Amino acid sequence: TSPSSQRSTSMQFITSLKSMTPSKCIRSCIRRNLAYASVHTLNSGEVVCQCSDYLELHGGITHDANCDRPCPTDSQVKCGSVGKLSVFNIHG
């Protein structure tokens, strides 16, 4: 996980839905053959899914425990936090 100021030189915005989960986001990114998937929950309850090939870390990396906002569809799964993205390396 890392702060939301994290950017990618090849960021591809996918979607923002209340039904989005990390697993759905990862599958979307795999279909687009991109290396990273990230999710974070907005105050509206929508989950933003983003895919990218490269990461530029502007705020550093934080511990996974700091990404503590539950996904709207499954409170056992975490979808980032305020100002933080849950990031998944798809290819390894």
C-alpha atoms as a PDB file:
ATOM      1  CA  THR A   1       0.000   0.000   0.000  1.00  0.00           C
ATOM      2  CA  SER A   2       1.048   3.557  -0.485  1.00  0.00           C
ATOM      3  CA  PRO A   3      -0.381   7.062  -0.347  1.00  0.00           C
ATOM      4  CA  SER A   4      -2.831   8.250  -2.954  1.00  0.00           C
ATOM      5  CA  SER A   5      -0.214  10.680  -4.241  1.00  0.00           C
ATOM      6  CA  GLN A   6       1.345   7.628  -5.839  1.00  0.00           C
ATOM      7  CA  ARG A   7       1.203   8.047  -9.599  1.00  0.00           C
ATOM      8  CA  SER A   8       2.028   6.033 -12.630  1.00  0.00           C
ATOM      9  CA  THR A   9       3.394   7.119 -15.957  1.00  0.00           C
ATOM     10  CA  SER A  10       0.918   4.718 -17.571  1.00  0.00           C
ATOM     11  CA  MET A  11      -2.071   4.999 -15.233  1.00  0.00           C
ATOM     12  CA  GLN A  12      -5.287   3.728 -16.732  1.00  0.00           C
ATOM     13  CA  PHE A  13      -8.397   4.587 -14.758  1.00  0.00           C
ATOM     14  CA  ILE A  14     -10.802   1.670 -14.818  1.00  0.00           C
ATOM     15  CA  THR A  15     -13.914   2.380 -12.822  1.00  0.00           C
ATOM     16  CA  SER A  16     -15.479   3.639  -9.642  1.00  0.00           C
ATOM     17  CA  LEU A  17     -18.274   1.453  -8.291  1.00  0.00           C
ATOM     18  CA  LYS A  18     -19.735   0.497  -4.935  1.00  0.00           C
ATOM     19  CA  SER A  19     -19.526  -3.144  -6.060  1.00  0.00           C
ATOM     20  CA  MET A  20     -15.785  -2.985  -6.874  1.00  0.00           C
ATOM     21  CA  THR A  21     -13.475  -5.276  -4.890  1.00  0.00           C
ATOM     22  CA  PRO A  22      -9.707  -5.805  -5.048  1.00  0.00           C
ATOM     23  CA  SER A  23     -10.288  -9.148  -6.816  1.00  0.00           C
ATOM     24  CA  LYS A  24     -12.466  -7.558  -9.498  1.00  0.00           C
ATOM     25  CA  CYS A  25      -9.941  -4.758  -9.942  1.00  0.00           C
ATOM     26  CA  ILE A  26      -7.054  -7.218 -10.288  1.00  0.00           C
ATOM     27  CA  ARG A  27      -8.988  -9.197 -12.920  1.00  0.00           C
ATOM     28  CA  SER A  28      -9.682  -5.974 -14.847  1.00  0.00           C
ATOM     29  CA  CYS A  29      -5.995  -5.078 -14.794  1.00  0.00           C
ATOM     30  CA  ILE A  30      -4.947  -8.580 -15.871  1.00  0.00           C
ATOM     31  CA  ARG A  31      -7.296  -8.328 -18.873  1.00  0.00           C
ATOM     32  CA  ARG A  32      -5.528  -5.081 -19.802  1.00  0.00           C
ATOM     33  CA  ASN A  33      -2.102  -6.715 -19.300  1.00  0.00           C
ATOM     34  CA  LEU A  34      -1.028  -4.106 -16.745  1.00  0.00           C
ATOM     35  CA  ALA A  35       1.314  -4.834 -13.854  1.00  0.00           C
ATOM     36  CA  TYR A  36      -0.343  -3.108 -10.876  1.00  0.00           C
ATOM     37  CA  ALA A  37      -3.884  -2.802  -9.553  1.00  0.00           C
ATOM     38  CA  SER A  38      -4.892  -0.370  -6.831  1.00  0.00           C
ATOM     39  CA  VAL A  39      -8.106   0.385  -4.989  1.00  0.00           C
ATOM     40  CA  HIS A  40      -9.282   3.011  -2.555  1.00  0.00           C
ATOM     41  CA  THR A  41     -12.684   3.864  -1.132  1.00  0.00           C
ATOM     42  CA  LEU A  42     -14.161   7.323  -1.595  1.00  0.00           C
ATOM     43  CA  ASN A  43     -16.286   8.999   1.075  1.00  0.00           C
ATOM     44  CA  SER A  44     -19.299   8.284  -1.175  1.00  0.00           C
ATOM     45  CA  GLY A  45     -18.696   4.554  -0.693  1.00  0.00           C
ATOM     46  CA  GLU A  46     -17.540   4.002  -4.252  1.00  0.00           C
ATOM     47  CA  VAL A  47     -14.317   2.059  -4.748  1.00  0.00           C
ATOM     48  CA  VAL A  48     -11.895   3.400  -7.341  1.00  0.00           C
ATOM     49  CA  CYS A  49      -9.934   0.786  -9.296  1.00  0.00           C
ATOM     50  CA  GLN A  50      -6.816   1.890 -11.152  1.00  0.00           C
ATOM     51  CA  CYS A  51      -4.342  -0.087 -13.249  1.00  0.00           C
ATOM     52  CA  SER A  52      -0.806   0.829 -14.262  1.00  0.00           C
ATOM     53  CA  ASP A  53       2.486  -0.555 -15.500  1.00  0.00           C
ATOM     54  CA  TYR A  54       4.849   1.610 -13.421  1.00  0.00           C
ATOM     55  CA  LEU A  55       4.735   3.156  -9.978  1.00  0.00           C
ATOM     56  CA  GLU A  56       6.144   6.498  -8.936  1.00  0.00           C
ATOM     57  CA  LEU A  57       6.107   6.681  -5.157  1.00  0.00           C
ATOM     58  CA  HIS A  58       5.681  10.257  -3.995  1.00  0.00           C
ATOM     59  CA  GLY A  59       4.679   9.634  -0.422  1.00  0.00           C
ATOM     60  CA  GLY A  60       6.434   6.394   0.371  1.00  0.00           C
ATOM     61  CA  ILE A  61       5.064   3.031   1.335  1.00  0.00           C
ATOM     62  CA  THR A  62       3.053   2.394   4.458  1.00  0.00           C
ATOM     63  CA  HIS A  63       2.231  -0.792   6.331  1.00  0.00           C
ATOM     64  CA  ASP A  64      -0.775  -2.783   5.098  1.00  0.00           C
ATOM     65  CA  ALA A  65      -2.477  -2.230   8.450  1.00  0.00           C
ATOM     66  CA  ASN A  66      -2.833   1.471   7.546  1.00  0.00           C
ATOM     67  CA  CYS A  67      -5.140   0.539   4.657  1.00  0.00           C
ATOM     68  CA  ASP A  68      -8.060  -0.127   6.952  1.00  0.00           C
ATOM     69  CA  ARG A  69     -11.146   1.079   5.114  1.00  0.00           C
ATOM     70  CA  PRO A  70     -13.470  -1.885   4.435  1.00  0.00           C
ATOM     71  CA  CYS A  71     -14.792  -2.498   0.934  1.00  0.00           C
ATOM     72  CA  PRO A  72     -18.527  -1.699   0.745  1.00  0.00           C
ATOM     73  CA  THR A  73     -19.446  -5.188  -0.503  1.00  0.00           C
ATOM     74  CA  ASP A  74     -17.296  -7.153   1.973  1.00  0.00           C
ATOM     75  CA  SER A  75     -16.211  -5.626   5.271  1.00  0.00           C
ATOM     76  CA  GLN A  76     -13.574  -8.361   5.713  1.00  0.00           C
ATOM     77  CA  VAL A  77     -11.683  -7.057   2.647  1.00  0.00           C
ATOM     78  CA  LYS A  78      -9.845  -3.727   2.850  1.00  0.00           C
ATOM     79  CA  CYS A  79      -9.989  -1.085   0.105  1.00  0.00           C
ATOM     80  CA  GLY A  80      -7.263   1.401   0.988  1.00  0.00           C
ATOM     81  CA  SER A  81      -7.884   4.193   3.466  1.00  0.00           C
ATOM     82  CA  VAL A  82      -8.106   7.966   3.599  1.00  0.00           C
ATOM     83  CA  GLY A  83      -5.300   9.184   1.361  1.00  0.00           C
ATOM     84  CA  LYS A  84      -3.962   5.666   0.769  1.00  0.00           C
ATOM     85  CA  LEU A  85      -4.239   3.040  -1.968  1.00  0.00           C
ATOM     86  CA  SER A  86      -4.167  -0.710  -1.578  1.00  0.00           C
ATOM     87  CA  VAL A  87      -1.719  -1.725  -4.339  1.00  0.00           C
ATOM     88  CA  PHE A  88      -1.316  -5.202  -5.798  1.00  0.00           C
ATOM     89  CA  ASN A  89       1.604  -6.376  -7.960  1.00  0.00           C
ATOM     90  CA  ILE A  90      -0.149  -8.615 -10.470  1.00  0.00           C
ATOM     91  CA  HIS A  91       2.875 -10.176 -12.144  1.00  0.00           C
ATOM     92  CA  GLY A  92       4.928 -11.087  -9.193  1.00  0.00           C
END
